[in-house]
Amino acid sequence: MSDHTVMIALALALTTVIAALVAAGAGYLARRDQAGYPAALTRAAVAFAATLTLSAVLTTALVAVSAN
């Protein structure tokens, strides 16, 4: 495996871990706000998806800028 492939795999793993931590925090805060378990799970899922989407957009922007 090349160094480039390893760096991509590490970046993906780090992004997934960060998204999971954000989701856990959002779910915890939703429960602290007296939300039910389904609502807290939904908020956590939305936070997870938003974090992954944001990281994908930032990665695309960085690739576009560095391609020039």
N, C-alpha and C. Protein backbone atom coordinates (compact mmCIF):
# COMPACT_ATOMS: atom_id res chain seq x y z
N MET A 1 0.85 -1.18 0.00
CA MET A 1 0.00 0.00 0.00
C MET A 1 0.89 1.24 0.00
N SER A 2 0.53 2.20 -0.83
CA SER A 2 1.36 3.40 -0.92
C SER A 2 1.06 4.35 0.24
N ASP A 3 1.94 5.31 0.41
CA ASP A 3 1.77 6.30 1.48
C ASP A 3 0.51 7.13 1.26
N HIS A 4 0.21 7.41 0.01
CA HIS A 4 -0.99 8.20 -0.31
C HIS A 4 -2.25 7.47 0.12
N THR A 5 -2.31 6.18 -0.14
CA THR A 5 -3.46 5.37 0.24
C THR A 5 -3.61 5.30 1.75
N VAL A 6 -2.51 5.17 2.45
CA VAL A 6 -2.54 5.10 3.91
C VAL A 6 -3.03 6.42 4.49
N MET A 7 -2.58 7.54 3.92
CA MET A 7 -3.02 8.84 4.41
C MET A 7 -4.51 9.06 4.17
N ILE A 8 -5.00 8.60 3.04
CA ILE A 8 -6.44 8.72 2.76
C ILE A 8 -7.23 7.87 3.74
N ALA A 9 -6.76 6.66 4.01
CA ALA A 9 -7.46 5.78 4.96
C ALA A 9 -7.45 6.38 6.36
N LEU A 10 -6.35 6.95 6.78
CA LEU A 10 -6.28 7.60 8.10
C LEU A 10 -7.18 8.82 8.17
N ALA A 11 -7.24 9.59 7.12
CA ALA A 11 -8.13 10.76 7.10
C ALA A 11 -9.59 10.34 7.17
N LEU A 12 -9.95 9.29 6.45
CA LEU A 12 -11.32 8.78 6.51
C LEU A 12 -11.67 8.27 7.91
N ALA A 13 -10.73 7.56 8.52
CA ALA A 13 -10.98 7.05 9.87
C ALA A 13 -11.12 8.20 10.87
N LEU A 14 -10.27 9.19 10.76
CA LEU A 14 -10.34 10.34 11.66
C LEU A 14 -11.65 11.11 11.48
N THR A 15 -12.07 11.28 10.25
CA THR A 15 -13.32 11.98 9.97
C THR A 15 -14.50 11.22 10.54
N THR A 16 -14.49 9.90 10.40
CA THR A 16 -15.58 9.09 10.93
C THR A 16 -15.63 9.15 12.45
N VAL A 17 -14.48 9.13 13.10
CA VAL A 17 -14.42 9.21 14.56
C VAL A 17 -14.92 10.57 15.03
N ILE A 18 -14.51 11.63 14.35
CA ILE A 18 -14.96 12.97 14.73
C ILE A 18 -16.47 13.09 14.54
N ALA A 19 -16.99 12.55 13.44
CA ALA A 19 -18.44 12.60 13.19
C ALA A 19 -19.20 11.81 14.25
N ALA A 20 -18.65 10.68 14.68
CA ALA A 20 -19.30 9.89 15.73
C ALA A 20 -19.30 10.65 17.06
N LEU A 21 -18.21 11.35 17.36
CA LEU A 21 -18.16 12.14 18.59
C LEU A 21 -19.15 13.30 18.55
N VAL A 22 -19.27 13.94 17.41
CA VAL A 22 -20.24 15.02 17.27
C VAL A 22 -21.66 14.48 17.44
N ALA A 23 -21.93 13.31 16.85
CA ALA A 23 -23.26 12.70 16.98
C ALA A 23 -23.56 12.33 18.43
N ALA A 24 -22.57 11.77 19.11
CA ALA A 24 -22.78 11.42 20.52
C ALA A 24 -23.05 12.66 21.36
N GLY A 25 -22.32 13.73 21.10
CA GLY A 25 -22.55 14.98 21.81
C GLY A 25 -23.93 15.55 21.53
N ALA A 26 -24.35 15.49 20.28
CA ALA A 26 -25.68 16.02 19.93
C ALA A 26 -26.78 15.19 20.58
N GLY A 27 -26.61 13.88 20.58
CA GLY A 27 -27.60 13.02 21.23
C GLY A 27 -27.67 13.26 22.72
N TYR A 28 -26.51 13.42 23.35
CA TYR A 28 -26.46 13.69 24.79
C TYR A 28 -27.14 15.02 25.12
N LEU A 29 -26.82 16.05 24.34
CA LEU A 29 -27.43 17.35 24.60
C LEU A 29 -28.93 17.33 24.34
N ALA A 30 -29.37 16.55 23.37
CA ALA A 30 -30.80 16.44 23.12
C ALA A 30 -31.50 15.77 24.30
N ARG A 31 -30.89 14.73 24.85
CA ARG A 31 -31.48 14.06 26.02
C ARG A 31 -31.49 14.99 27.22
N ARG A 32 -30.45 15.80 27.38
CA ARG A 32 -30.41 16.77 28.48
C ARG A 32 -31.50 17.83 28.33
N ASP A 33 -31.93 18.04 27.09
CA ASP A 33 -32.97 19.01 26.79
C ASP A 33 -34.36 18.37 26.86
N GLN A 34 -34.46 17.22 27.52
CA GLN A 34 -35.71 16.49 27.74
C GLN A 34 -36.33 15.93 26.46
N ALA A 35 -35.53 15.69 25.44
CA ALA A 35 -36.04 15.06 24.22
C ALA A 35 -36.16 13.56 24.46
N GLY A 36 -37.09 12.93 23.79
CA GLY A 36 -37.23 11.49 23.91
C GLY A 36 -36.11 10.78 23.17
N TYR A 37 -36.00 9.47 23.38
CA TYR A 37 -34.93 8.72 22.73
C TYR A 37 -35.00 8.77 21.21
N PRO A 38 -36.19 8.64 20.60
CA PRO A 38 -36.23 8.74 19.12
C PRO A 38 -35.79 10.11 18.61
N ALA A 39 -36.20 11.17 19.29
CA ALA A 39 -35.80 12.51 18.87
C ALA A 39 -34.30 12.72 19.05
N ALA A 40 -33.76 12.22 20.15
CA ALA A 40 -32.32 12.36 20.39
C ALA A 40 -31.52 11.58 19.36
N LEU A 41 -32.00 10.40 19.02
CA LEU A 41 -31.32 9.59 17.99
C LEU A 41 -31.38 10.28 16.63
N THR A 42 -32.51 10.90 16.33
CA THR A 42 -32.64 11.62 15.07
C THR A 42 -31.69 12.80 15.02
N ARG A 43 -31.59 13.55 16.11
CA ARG A 43 -30.66 14.68 16.15
C ARG A 43 -29.22 14.21 16.02
N ALA A 44 -28.90 13.09 16.64
CA ALA A 44 -27.55 12.55 16.53
C ALA A 44 -27.25 12.13 15.10
N ALA A 45 -28.22 11.51 14.44
CA ALA A 45 -28.02 11.07 13.05
C ALA A 45 -27.85 12.27 12.12
N VAL A 46 -28.62 13.32 12.36
CA VAL A 46 -28.50 14.52 11.54
C VAL A 46 -27.13 15.17 11.75
N ALA A 47 -26.66 15.21 12.98
CA ALA A 47 -25.34 15.79 13.27
C ALA A 47 -24.24 14.96 12.63
N PHE A 48 -24.37 13.63 12.66
CA PHE A 48 -23.38 12.75 12.03
C PHE A 48 -23.33 13.01 10.53
N ALA A 49 -24.50 13.04 9.90
CA ALA A 49 -24.55 13.26 8.46
C ALA A 49 -24.04 14.65 8.08
N ALA A 50 -24.37 15.65 8.88
CA ALA A 50 -23.91 17.00 8.59
C ALA A 50 -22.39 17.11 8.72
N THR A 51 -21.82 16.44 9.69
CA THR A 51 -20.36 16.47 9.86
C THR A 51 -19.66 15.81 8.69
N LEU A 52 -20.18 14.67 8.24
CA LEU A 52 -19.58 14.00 7.08
C LEU A 52 -19.75 14.83 5.82
N THR A 53 -20.89 15.48 5.67
CA THR A 53 -21.12 16.33 4.50
C THR A 53 -20.18 17.53 4.50
N LEU A 54 -20.02 18.15 5.66
CA LEU A 54 -19.12 19.29 5.76
C LEU A 54 -17.68 18.89 5.45
N SER A 55 -17.25 17.75 5.94
CA SER A 55 -15.88 17.32 5.65
C SER A 55 -15.71 16.99 4.17
N ALA A 56 -16.74 16.44 3.52
CA ALA A 56 -16.66 16.17 2.09
C ALA A 56 -16.58 17.46 1.28
N VAL A 57 -17.36 18.47 1.69
CA VAL A 57 -17.33 19.76 0.99
C VAL A 57 -15.98 20.43 1.16
N LEU A 58 -15.44 20.40 2.37
CA LEU A 58 -14.13 21.00 2.60
C LEU A 58 -13.03 20.28 1.83
N THR A 59 -13.11 18.97 1.77
CA THR A 59 -12.12 18.20 1.01
C THR A 59 -12.20 18.54 -0.47
N THR A 60 -13.41 18.63 -1.00
CA THR A 60 -13.58 18.98 -2.40
C THR A 60 -13.04 20.37 -2.69
N ALA A 61 -13.31 21.31 -1.79
CA ALA A 61 -12.81 22.68 -1.98
C ALA A 61 -11.29 22.71 -1.93
N LEU A 62 -10.70 21.99 -1.02
CA LEU A 62 -9.23 21.96 -0.93
C LEU A 62 -8.59 21.33 -2.16
N VAL A 63 -9.21 20.28 -2.66
CA VAL A 63 -8.69 19.64 -3.88
C VAL A 63 -8.81 20.58 -5.06
N ALA A 64 -9.92 21.30 -5.15
CA ALA A 64 -10.13 22.23 -6.26
C ALA A 64 -9.12 23.38 -6.20
N VAL A 65 -8.85 23.87 -5.01
CA VAL A 65 -7.91 24.99 -4.87
C VAL A 65 -6.49 24.53 -5.15
N SER A 66 -6.13 23.35 -4.67
CA SER A 66 -4.75 22.88 -4.85
C SER A 66 -4.48 22.34 -6.24
N ALA A 67 -5.52 22.13 -7.04
CA ALA A 67 -5.32 21.59 -8.40
C ALA A 67 -4.74 22.64 -9.33
N ASN A 68 -4.91 23.90 -8.99
CA ASN A 68 -4.41 24.96 -9.88
C ASN A 68 -2.94 25.13 -9.78
